Amino acid sequence: MTSQNDLKHLLLPRSTGLHYTLRSLSPRIPSLKLLDMTIIYPGVPPTGYSQDYYTLRSIFLDGVPPPEIHVHLRLLDVRSQVPIGDLSSAKLATKEAVEVEIPSNEKDHFDTWLRQLWTEKDESMGRFYDTGSFSGNTNPAKLEIPIQLHRSLEILDAFCFFWPAALAYSWKRSKSA
């Protein structure tokens, strides 16, 4: 089994919640997919954390965004590519509740699979730092999307989810005054 010392760029994943969620959703959503996303920000050392280098303040207020963002995406079909266990019982076929205790051998199999996936992600990150490509290909296919503000007030959009709470707080405070 992979230990934390084997991974250079990632922390080990927590598998229980993901396994439980995929087992619960799979019978209800037959075409369920899992999106595996790996993101690298240039300028962040392999042992660093990007949130220490690029914060909302640095991006929106100081105007210092990451120069590039590299994303590797992989779409996995949950039913055929993810070992979520045996869901073939009669209750599951009728899409009734599947939220039951997961057998330990199925947990172990899923945990091993997820750790292997994380090992592959860690290796692809190492390749990226060495070659500039997740796959090791020196000429990877690239899609460049320039990201820039169309107007300076768009900065406020990043904080829009705070606005209803701020308005409610202000309204309540003005009512009590």
N, C-alpha and C. Protein backbone atom coordinates (compact mmCIF):
# COMPACT_ATOMS: atom_id res chain seq x y z
N MET A 1 0.84 -1.17 0.00
CA MET A 1 0.00 0.00 0.00
C MET A 1 0.88 1.24 0.00
N THR A 2 0.45 2.31 -0.66
CA THR A 2 1.23 3.54 -0.76
C THR A 2 1.26 4.25 0.58
N SER A 3 2.44 4.67 0.98
CA SER A 3 2.54 5.46 2.19
C SER A 3 2.70 6.91 1.81
N GLN A 4 2.51 7.79 2.78
CA GLN A 4 2.62 9.22 2.51
C GLN A 4 4.00 9.57 1.99
N ASN A 5 5.03 8.85 2.41
CA ASN A 5 6.39 9.15 1.98
C ASN A 5 6.59 8.87 0.50
N ASP A 6 5.75 8.04 -0.11
CA ASP A 6 5.88 7.73 -1.53
C ASP A 6 5.39 8.87 -2.42
N LEU A 7 4.51 9.71 -1.90
CA LEU A 7 3.96 10.81 -2.68
C LEU A 7 4.79 12.07 -2.43
N LYS A 8 5.18 12.73 -3.52
CA LYS A 8 6.02 13.92 -3.39
C LYS A 8 5.21 15.21 -3.51
N HIS A 9 4.07 15.15 -4.20
CA HIS A 9 3.34 16.36 -4.52
C HIS A 9 1.93 16.41 -3.93
N LEU A 10 1.46 15.33 -3.37
CA LEU A 10 0.08 15.23 -2.90
C LEU A 10 0.02 14.64 -1.50
N LEU A 11 -1.06 14.92 -0.81
CA LEU A 11 -1.38 14.23 0.43
C LEU A 11 -2.26 13.04 0.07
N LEU A 12 -2.23 12.01 0.89
CA LEU A 12 -3.08 10.84 0.63
C LEU A 12 -4.55 11.23 0.71
N PRO A 13 -5.36 10.68 -0.17
CA PRO A 13 -6.79 11.02 -0.15
C PRO A 13 -7.53 10.31 0.98
N ARG A 14 -8.66 10.87 1.36
CA ARG A 14 -9.56 10.23 2.30
C ARG A 14 -10.61 9.54 1.45
N SER A 15 -10.70 8.24 1.54
CA SER A 15 -11.52 7.49 0.59
C SER A 15 -12.93 7.19 1.06
N THR A 16 -13.21 7.18 2.33
CA THR A 16 -14.50 6.70 2.84
C THR A 16 -15.67 7.52 2.31
N GLY A 17 -15.59 8.84 2.39
CA GLY A 17 -16.69 9.70 1.94
C GLY A 17 -16.95 9.58 0.45
N LEU A 18 -15.88 9.55 -0.34
CA LEU A 18 -16.04 9.42 -1.78
C LEU A 18 -16.67 8.08 -2.13
N HIS A 19 -16.19 7.02 -1.51
CA HIS A 19 -16.72 5.68 -1.78
C HIS A 19 -18.22 5.62 -1.44
N TYR A 20 -18.58 6.11 -0.27
CA TYR A 20 -19.97 6.12 0.17
C TYR A 20 -20.85 6.91 -0.80
N THR A 21 -20.36 8.08 -1.22
CA THR A 21 -21.12 8.93 -2.13
C THR A 21 -21.32 8.27 -3.49
N LEU A 22 -20.26 7.70 -4.04
CA LEU A 22 -20.37 7.04 -5.35
C LEU A 22 -21.29 5.83 -5.28
N ARG A 23 -21.22 5.06 -4.20
CA ARG A 23 -22.12 3.90 -4.04
C ARG A 23 -23.57 4.35 -3.93
N SER A 24 -23.80 5.48 -3.27
CA SER A 24 -25.17 5.99 -3.10
C SER A 24 -25.73 6.56 -4.39
N LEU A 25 -24.90 7.24 -5.17
CA LEU A 25 -25.38 7.89 -6.38
C LEU A 25 -25.47 6.97 -7.59
N SER A 26 -24.59 5.98 -7.66
CA SER A 26 -24.51 5.14 -8.84
C SER A 26 -25.83 4.46 -9.22
N PRO A 27 -26.57 3.86 -8.30
CA PRO A 27 -27.85 3.23 -8.71
C PRO A 27 -28.89 4.26 -9.16
N ARG A 28 -28.79 5.47 -8.64
CA ARG A 28 -29.77 6.50 -8.96
C ARG A 28 -29.44 7.25 -10.25
N ILE A 29 -28.14 7.29 -10.60
CA ILE A 29 -27.69 8.00 -11.79
C ILE A 29 -26.87 7.01 -12.62
N PRO A 30 -27.50 6.28 -13.53
CA PRO A 30 -26.79 5.24 -14.27
C PRO A 30 -25.58 5.74 -15.08
N SER A 31 -25.61 6.97 -15.52
CA SER A 31 -24.50 7.49 -16.33
C SER A 31 -23.52 8.32 -15.50
N LEU A 32 -23.44 8.04 -14.22
CA LEU A 32 -22.60 8.82 -13.30
C LEU A 32 -21.14 8.77 -13.72
N LYS A 33 -20.51 9.95 -13.74
CA LYS A 33 -19.10 10.08 -14.09
C LYS A 33 -18.36 10.72 -12.92
N LEU A 34 -17.08 10.43 -12.83
CA LEU A 34 -16.21 11.03 -11.83
C LEU A 34 -15.15 11.82 -12.58
N LEU A 35 -15.04 13.11 -12.28
CA LEU A 35 -14.07 13.96 -12.95
C LEU A 35 -12.81 14.02 -12.10
N ASP A 36 -11.72 13.50 -12.63
CA ASP A 36 -10.42 13.53 -11.97
C ASP A 36 -9.69 14.75 -12.51
N MET A 37 -9.41 15.71 -11.64
CA MET A 37 -8.80 16.97 -12.05
C MET A 37 -7.50 17.18 -11.29
N THR A 38 -6.43 17.47 -12.02
CA THR A 38 -5.15 17.79 -11.42
C THR A 38 -4.78 19.19 -11.89
N ILE A 39 -4.46 20.07 -10.94
CA ILE A 39 -4.15 21.47 -11.25
C ILE A 39 -2.75 21.80 -10.74
N ILE A 40 -1.97 22.46 -11.61
CA ILE A 40 -0.64 22.92 -11.23
C ILE A 40 -0.52 24.41 -11.55
N TYR A 41 -0.02 25.16 -10.59
CA TYR A 41 0.26 26.57 -10.78
C TYR A 41 1.77 26.75 -10.89
N PRO A 42 2.26 27.31 -11.99
CA PRO A 42 3.70 27.54 -12.12
C PRO A 42 4.19 28.51 -11.03
N GLY A 43 5.42 28.32 -10.63
CA GLY A 43 6.01 29.20 -9.63
C GLY A 43 5.82 28.72 -8.21
N VAL A 44 5.01 27.70 -8.03
CA VAL A 44 4.82 27.12 -6.70
C VAL A 44 5.73 25.91 -6.61
N PRO A 45 6.62 25.86 -5.64
CA PRO A 45 7.51 24.71 -5.54
C PRO A 45 6.72 23.43 -5.25
N PRO A 46 7.27 22.27 -5.63
CA PRO A 46 6.55 21.01 -5.46
C PRO A 46 6.08 20.75 -4.03
N THR A 47 6.78 21.26 -3.04
CA THR A 47 6.35 21.03 -1.65
C THR A 47 5.52 22.18 -1.12
N GLY A 48 5.23 23.20 -1.96
CA GLY A 48 4.45 24.36 -1.52
C GLY A 48 2.98 24.18 -1.78
N TYR A 49 2.21 25.09 -1.25
CA TYR A 49 0.76 25.09 -1.44
C TYR A 49 0.38 26.34 -2.22
N SER A 50 -0.34 26.17 -3.31
CA SER A 50 -0.66 27.30 -4.17
C SER A 50 -1.47 28.37 -3.45
N GLN A 51 -2.30 27.98 -2.45
CA GLN A 51 -3.10 28.98 -1.75
C GLN A 51 -2.22 29.91 -0.91
N ASP A 52 -0.97 29.52 -0.66
CA ASP A 52 -0.04 30.41 0.04
C ASP A 52 0.57 31.43 -0.92
N TYR A 53 0.52 31.17 -2.20
CA TYR A 53 1.13 32.04 -3.21
C TYR A 53 0.09 32.89 -3.92
N TYR A 54 -1.07 32.30 -4.22
CA TYR A 54 -2.10 33.01 -4.96
C TYR A 54 -3.38 33.00 -4.13
N THR A 55 -3.65 34.12 -3.47
CA THR A 55 -4.84 34.25 -2.64
C THR A 55 -5.86 35.12 -3.36
N LEU A 56 -7.08 35.16 -2.86
CA LEU A 56 -8.08 36.06 -3.44
C LEU A 56 -7.59 37.50 -3.37
N ARG A 57 -6.92 37.84 -2.27
CA ARG A 57 -6.38 39.20 -2.15
C ARG A 57 -5.33 39.47 -3.23
N SER A 58 -4.39 38.54 -3.39
CA SER A 58 -3.34 38.79 -4.38
C SER A 58 -3.90 38.83 -5.80
N ILE A 59 -4.90 38.02 -6.07
CA ILE A 59 -5.46 37.97 -7.42
C ILE A 59 -6.34 39.18 -7.71
N PHE A 60 -7.30 39.46 -6.83
CA PHE A 60 -8.29 40.49 -7.14
C PHE A 60 -7.91 41.88 -6.66
N LEU A 61 -7.25 42.00 -5.52
CA LEU A 61 -6.93 43.33 -5.01
C LEU A 61 -5.54 43.79 -5.43
N ASP A 62 -4.56 42.89 -5.40
CA ASP A 62 -3.20 43.27 -5.77
C ASP A 62 -2.94 43.09 -7.26
N GLY A 63 -3.82 42.38 -7.94
CA GLY A 63 -3.67 42.17 -9.38
C GLY A 63 -2.52 41.23 -9.74
N VAL A 64 -2.26 40.25 -8.86
CA VAL A 64 -1.17 39.30 -9.10
C VAL A 64 -1.76 37.89 -9.20
N PRO A 65 -2.27 37.52 -10.37
CA PRO A 65 -2.78 36.17 -10.54
C PRO A 65 -1.64 35.22 -10.91
N PRO A 66 -1.90 33.92 -10.87
CA PRO A 66 -0.88 33.00 -11.39
C PRO A 66 -0.68 33.28 -12.87
N PRO A 67 0.56 33.20 -13.36
CA PRO A 67 0.79 33.48 -14.78
C PRO A 67 0.10 32.48 -15.70
N GLU A 68 -0.03 31.25 -15.25
CA GLU A 68 -0.71 30.19 -16.00
C GLU A 68 -1.33 29.24 -15.00
N ILE A 69 -2.29 28.50 -15.47
CA ILE A 69 -2.85 27.40 -14.68
C ILE A 69 -2.87 26.20 -15.60
N HIS A 70 -2.26 25.11 -15.17
CA HIS A 70 -2.23 23.89 -15.97
C HIS A 70 -3.20 22.89 -15.35
N VAL A 71 -4.09 22.37 -16.18
CA VAL A 71 -5.14 21.47 -15.71
C VAL A 71 -5.11 20.19 -16.54
N HIS A 72 -5.14 19.07 -15.85
CA HIS A 72 -5.26 17.77 -16.52
C HIS A 72 -6.59 17.18 -16.07
N LEU A 73 -7.43 16.84 -17.04
CA LEU A 73 -8.75 16.30 -16.75
C LEU A 73 -8.86 14.87 -17.25
N ARG A 74 -9.54 14.06 -16.46
CA ARG A 74 -9.81 12.68 -16.86
C ARG A 74 -11.22 12.36 -16.38
N LEU A 75 -12.05 11.87 -17.28
CA LEU A 75 -13.43 11.53 -16.94
C LEU A 75 -13.53 10.02 -16.80
N LEU A 76 -14.00 9.57 -15.65
CA LEU A 76 -14.11 8.13 -15.37
C LEU A 76 -15.58 7.75 -15.25
N ASP A 77 -15.96 6.67 -15.91
CA ASP A 77 -17.30 6.13 -15.77
C ASP A 77 -17.35 5.34 -14.47
N VAL A 78 -18.22 5.73 -13.56
CA VAL A 78 -18.24 5.12 -12.23
C VAL A 78 -18.57 3.63 -12.30
N ARG A 79 -19.53 3.26 -13.11
CA ARG A 79 -19.94 1.85 -13.17
C ARG A 79 -18.88 0.93 -13.74
N SER A 80 -18.10 1.40 -14.71
CA SER A 80 -17.15 0.50 -15.36
C SER A 80 -15.69 0.74 -14.96
N GLN A 81 -15.35 1.92 -14.44
CA GLN A 81 -13.95 2.23 -14.17
C GLN A 81 -13.62 2.45 -12.71
N VAL A 82 -14.62 2.51 -11.86
CA VAL A 82 -14.38 2.78 -10.44
C VAL A 82 -14.89 1.59 -9.63
N PRO A 83 -14.05 0.97 -8.81
CA PRO A 83 -14.48 -0.22 -8.05
C PRO A 83 -15.28 0.15 -6.80
N ILE A 84 -16.57 0.46 -7.01
CA ILE A 84 -17.41 0.86 -5.88
C ILE A 84 -18.02 -0.33 -5.15
N GLY A 85 -17.87 -1.51 -5.68
CA GLY A 85 -18.39 -2.70 -5.03
C GLY A 85 -19.60 -3.27 -5.73
N ASP A 86 -20.13 -4.34 -5.15
CA ASP A 86 -21.27 -5.04 -5.73
C ASP A 86 -22.57 -4.35 -5.33
N LEU A 87 -23.29 -3.83 -6.31
CA LEU A 87 -24.56 -3.16 -6.06
C LEU A 87 -25.71 -3.90 -6.73
N SER A 88 -25.59 -5.21 -6.89
CA SER A 88 -26.56 -5.96 -7.67
C SER A 88 -27.69 -6.58 -6.85
N SER A 89 -27.82 -6.27 -5.59
CA SER A 89 -28.89 -6.88 -4.80
C SER A 89 -30.26 -6.39 -5.28
N ALA A 90 -31.30 -7.08 -4.88
CA ALA A 90 -32.66 -6.75 -5.33
C ALA A 90 -33.05 -5.34 -4.93
N LYS A 91 -32.69 -4.93 -3.71
CA LYS A 91 -33.05 -3.59 -3.26
C LYS A 91 -32.39 -2.53 -4.13
N LEU A 92 -31.15 -2.78 -4.51
CA LEU A 92 -30.43 -1.80 -5.30
C LEU A 92 -31.01 -1.68 -6.70
N ALA A 93 -31.50 -2.78 -7.23
CA ALA A 93 -32.06 -2.77 -8.58
C ALA A 93 -33.31 -1.89 -8.64
N THR A 94 -34.01 -1.75 -7.52
CA THR A 94 -35.21 -0.90 -7.49
C THR A 94 -34.88 0.52 -7.04
N LYS A 95 -33.62 0.84 -6.92
CA LYS A 95 -33.13 2.17 -6.56
C LYS A 95 -33.58 2.60 -5.18
N GLU A 96 -33.79 1.64 -4.29
CA GLU A 96 -34.09 1.99 -2.91
C GLU A 96 -32.78 2.35 -2.22
N ALA A 97 -32.86 2.64 -0.96
CA ALA A 97 -31.69 3.11 -0.22
C ALA A 97 -30.53 2.11 -0.31
N VAL A 98 -29.35 2.63 -0.63
CA VAL A 98 -28.15 1.80 -0.69
C VAL A 98 -27.17 2.22 0.42
N GLU A 99 -27.61 3.11 1.26
CA GLU A 99 -26.75 3.63 2.30
C GLU A 99 -26.67 2.64 3.46
N VAL A 100 -25.92 1.58 3.23
CA VAL A 100 -25.72 0.55 4.24
C VAL A 100 -24.22 0.42 4.48
N GLU A 101 -23.88 -0.34 5.47
CA GLU A 101 -22.46 -0.56 5.78
C GLU A 101 -21.78 -1.23 4.58
N ILE A 102 -20.65 -0.67 4.19
CA ILE A 102 -19.91 -1.21 3.05
C ILE A 102 -19.01 -2.34 3.55
N PRO A 103 -19.06 -3.50 2.91
CA PRO A 103 -18.20 -4.62 3.33
C PRO A 103 -16.72 -4.21 3.31
N SER A 104 -15.95 -4.69 4.27
CA SER A 104 -14.56 -4.26 4.41
C SER A 104 -13.69 -4.61 3.21
N ASN A 105 -13.98 -5.76 2.55
CA ASN A 105 -13.16 -6.10 1.38
C ASN A 105 -13.41 -5.11 0.23
N GLU A 106 -14.64 -4.60 0.11
CA GLU A 106 -14.95 -3.60 -0.91
C GLU A 106 -14.31 -2.27 -0.56
N LYS A 107 -14.30 -1.92 0.73
CA LYS A 107 -13.63 -0.70 1.17
C LYS A 107 -12.14 -0.78 0.85
N ASP A 108 -11.53 -1.91 1.16
CA ASP A 108 -10.10 -2.09 0.91
C ASP A 108 -9.78 -2.00 -0.58
N HIS A 109 -10.62 -2.61 -1.41
CA HIS A 109 -10.40 -2.59 -2.85
C HIS A 109 -10.50 -1.15 -3.39
N PHE A 110 -11.52 -0.41 -2.93
CA PHE A 110 -11.69 0.98 -3.36
C PHE A 110 -10.52 1.83 -2.88
N ASP A 111 -10.11 1.64 -1.63
CA ASP A 111 -9.01 2.40 -1.06
C ASP A 111 -7.72 2.16 -1.85
N THR A 112 -7.45 0.91 -2.21
CA THR A 112 -6.27 0.57 -3.01
C THR A 112 -6.34 1.24 -4.38
N TRP A 113 -7.52 1.20 -5.00
CA TRP A 113 -7.70 1.83 -6.31
C TRP A 113 -7.46 3.34 -6.22
N LEU A 114 -8.03 3.99 -5.19
CA LEU A 114 -7.89 5.43 -5.05
C LEU A 114 -6.44 5.83 -4.77
N ARG A 115 -5.76 5.04 -3.96
CA ARG A 115 -4.34 5.34 -3.70
C ARG A 115 -3.50 5.16 -4.97
N GLN A 116 -3.86 4.18 -5.80
CA GLN A 116 -3.16 4.00 -7.08
C GLN A 116 -3.42 5.20 -8.00
N LEU A 117 -4.65 5.68 -8.01
CA LEU A 117 -4.99 6.86 -8.80
C LEU A 117 -4.17 8.06 -8.32
N TRP A 118 -4.05 8.22 -7.00
CA TRP A 118 -3.26 9.31 -6.45
C TRP A 118 -1.77 9.15 -6.78
N THR A 119 -1.30 7.94 -6.80
CA THR A 119 0.10 7.70 -7.19
C THR A 119 0.31 8.12 -8.64
N GLU A 120 -0.63 7.77 -9.51
CA GLU A 120 -0.55 8.18 -10.92
C GLU A 120 -0.58 9.70 -11.05
N LYS A 121 -1.45 10.36 -10.26
CA LYS A 121 -1.52 11.82 -10.29
C LYS A 121 -0.20 12.42 -9.82
N ASP A 122 0.37 11.86 -8.77
CA ASP A 122 1.64 12.36 -8.24
C ASP A 122 2.76 12.20 -9.27
N GLU A 123 2.78 11.06 -9.95
CA GLU A 123 3.79 10.83 -11.00
C GLU A 123 3.59 11.79 -12.16
N SER A 124 2.32 12.05 -12.54
CA SER A 124 2.08 12.98 -13.65
C SER A 124 2.49 14.40 -13.26
N MET A 125 2.33 14.75 -11.99
CA MET A 125 2.79 16.07 -11.53
C MET A 125 4.31 16.15 -11.59
N GLY A 126 4.99 15.07 -11.21
CA GLY A 126 6.45 15.02 -11.31
C GLY A 126 6.91 15.17 -12.75
N ARG A 127 6.22 14.48 -13.67
CA ARG A 127 6.55 14.61 -15.09
C ARG A 127 6.33 16.04 -15.56
N PHE A 128 5.25 16.66 -15.07
CA PHE A 128 4.98 18.03 -15.48
C PHE A 128 6.12 18.95 -15.05
N TYR A 129 6.56 18.80 -13.81
CA TYR A 129 7.66 19.65 -13.33
C TYR A 129 8.94 19.40 -14.13
N ASP A 130 9.14 18.16 -14.61
CA ASP A 130 10.35 17.83 -15.38
C ASP A 130 10.25 18.22 -16.85
N THR A 131 9.07 17.98 -17.47
CA THR A 131 8.95 18.13 -18.92
C THR A 131 7.98 19.22 -19.37
N GLY A 132 7.14 19.72 -18.46
CA GLY A 132 6.12 20.69 -18.86
C GLY A 132 4.87 20.04 -19.41
N SER A 133 4.75 18.72 -19.24
CA SER A 133 3.60 17.98 -19.75
C SER A 133 3.18 16.93 -18.72
N PHE A 134 1.88 16.77 -18.53
CA PHE A 134 1.39 15.74 -17.61
C PHE A 134 1.70 14.34 -18.12
N SER A 135 1.72 14.17 -19.44
CA SER A 135 1.92 12.84 -20.01
C SER A 135 3.38 12.53 -20.30
N GLY A 136 4.25 13.51 -20.19
CA GLY A 136 5.66 13.29 -20.53
C GLY A 136 5.93 13.62 -21.99
N ASN A 137 4.88 13.85 -22.75
CA ASN A 137 5.01 14.23 -24.16
C ASN A 137 5.62 15.63 -24.23
N THR A 138 6.69 15.78 -25.00
CA THR A 138 7.34 17.09 -25.07
C THR A 138 6.56 18.09 -25.91
N ASN A 139 5.60 17.63 -26.67
CA ASN A 139 4.74 18.50 -27.46
C ASN A 139 3.28 18.21 -27.14
N PRO A 140 2.84 18.48 -25.90
CA PRO A 140 1.45 18.15 -25.56
C PRO A 140 0.46 19.08 -26.25
N ALA A 141 -0.74 18.58 -26.46
CA ALA A 141 -1.80 19.42 -27.01
C ALA A 141 -2.16 20.46 -25.96
N LYS A 142 -2.23 21.70 -26.36
CA LYS A 142 -2.51 22.78 -25.42
C LYS A 142 -3.73 23.56 -25.88
N LEU A 143 -4.46 24.01 -24.92
CA LEU A 143 -5.58 24.90 -25.17
C LEU A 143 -5.33 26.12 -24.29
N GLU A 144 -5.06 27.24 -24.91
CA GLU A 144 -4.79 28.45 -24.14
C GLU A 144 -6.04 29.31 -24.11
N ILE A 145 -6.45 29.66 -22.90
CA ILE A 145 -7.62 30.49 -22.71
C ILE A 145 -7.18 31.73 -21.94
N PRO A 146 -7.10 32.86 -22.61
CA PRO A 146 -6.72 34.07 -21.88
C PRO A 146 -7.84 34.48 -20.93
N ILE A 147 -7.48 34.77 -19.71
CA ILE A 147 -8.48 35.15 -18.72
C ILE A 147 -8.14 36.56 -18.26
N GLN A 148 -9.07 37.44 -18.50
CA GLN A 148 -8.87 38.82 -18.07
C GLN A 148 -10.23 39.44 -17.77
N LEU A 149 -10.21 40.46 -16.97
CA LEU A 149 -11.43 41.17 -16.63
C LEU A 149 -11.85 42.03 -17.81
N HIS A 150 -13.14 42.08 -18.07
CA HIS A 150 -13.66 42.95 -19.13
C HIS A 150 -13.84 44.37 -18.61
N ARG A 151 -14.12 44.46 -17.32
CA ARG A 151 -14.23 45.76 -16.67
C ARG A 151 -13.81 45.60 -15.21
N SER A 152 -13.36 46.65 -14.60
CA SER A 152 -12.79 46.55 -13.25
C SER A 152 -13.84 46.15 -12.21
N LEU A 153 -15.11 46.44 -12.44
CA LEU A 153 -16.14 46.08 -11.46
C LEU A 153 -16.39 44.57 -11.38
N GLU A 154 -15.85 43.81 -12.33
CA GLU A 154 -16.00 42.36 -12.27
C GLU A 154 -15.31 41.76 -11.05
N ILE A 155 -14.42 42.49 -10.45
CA ILE A 155 -13.76 42.04 -9.22
C ILE A 155 -14.81 41.73 -8.16
N LEU A 156 -15.87 42.52 -8.13
CA LEU A 156 -16.93 42.33 -7.13
C LEU A 156 -17.66 41.01 -7.32
N ASP A 157 -17.66 40.46 -8.54
CA ASP A 157 -18.31 39.17 -8.80
C ASP A 157 -17.71 38.05 -7.98
N ALA A 158 -16.43 38.14 -7.66
CA ALA A 158 -15.77 37.09 -6.87
C ALA A 158 -16.34 37.01 -5.46
N PHE A 159 -16.93 38.09 -5.00
CA PHE A 159 -17.44 38.13 -3.64
C PHE A 159 -18.97 38.15 -3.60
N CYS A 160 -19.63 37.83 -4.72
CA CYS A 160 -21.08 37.96 -4.82
C CYS A 160 -21.83 37.05 -3.84
N PHE A 161 -21.25 35.93 -3.45
CA PHE A 161 -21.97 35.05 -2.54
C PHE A 161 -22.03 35.63 -1.13
N PHE A 162 -21.23 36.66 -0.82
CA PHE A 162 -21.29 37.33 0.48
C PHE A 162 -22.37 38.41 0.51
N TRP A 163 -22.76 38.90 -0.66
CA TRP A 163 -23.67 40.03 -0.71
C TRP A 163 -25.01 39.77 -0.04
N PRO A 164 -25.69 38.66 -0.27
CA PRO A 164 -26.98 38.44 0.43
C PRO A 164 -26.83 38.43 1.94
N ALA A 165 -25.76 37.82 2.44
CA ALA A 165 -25.55 37.79 3.89
C ALA A 165 -25.27 39.19 4.41
N ALA A 166 -24.47 39.96 3.69
CA ALA A 166 -24.15 41.32 4.11
C ALA A 166 -25.40 42.19 4.10
N LEU A 167 -26.24 42.05 3.07
CA LEU A 167 -27.47 42.82 3.00
C LEU A 167 -28.43 42.43 4.12
N ALA A 168 -28.57 41.15 4.38
CA ALA A 168 -29.45 40.69 5.46
C ALA A 168 -28.95 41.21 6.81
N TYR A 169 -27.64 41.15 7.02
CA TYR A 169 -27.06 41.65 8.27
C TYR A 169 -27.32 43.15 8.42
N SER A 170 -27.11 43.90 7.34
CA SER A 170 -27.32 45.35 7.38
C SER A 170 -28.79 45.67 7.62
N TRP A 171 -29.67 44.95 6.95
CA TRP A 171 -31.12 45.16 7.12
C TRP A 171 -31.54 44.89 8.56
N LYS A 172 -31.08 43.76 9.11
CA LYS A 172 -31.42 43.40 10.48
C LYS A 172 -30.89 44.44 11.46
N ARG A 173 -29.70 44.88 11.21
CA ARG A 173 -29.06 45.87 12.10
C ARG A 173 -29.79 47.21 12.03
N SER A 174 -30.22 47.61 10.84
CA SER A 174 -30.94 48.89 10.70
C SER A 174 -32.33 48.81 11.33
N LYS A 175 -32.96 47.61 11.31
CA LYS A 175 -34.27 47.42 11.93
C LYS A 175 -34.19 47.53 13.44
N SER A 176 -33.09 47.01 14.02
CA SER A 176 -32.96 46.99 15.48
C SER A 176 -32.48 48.34 16.02
N ALA A 177 -32.01 49.21 15.17
CA ALA A 177 -31.51 50.52 15.63
C ALA A 177 -32.60 51.54 15.78
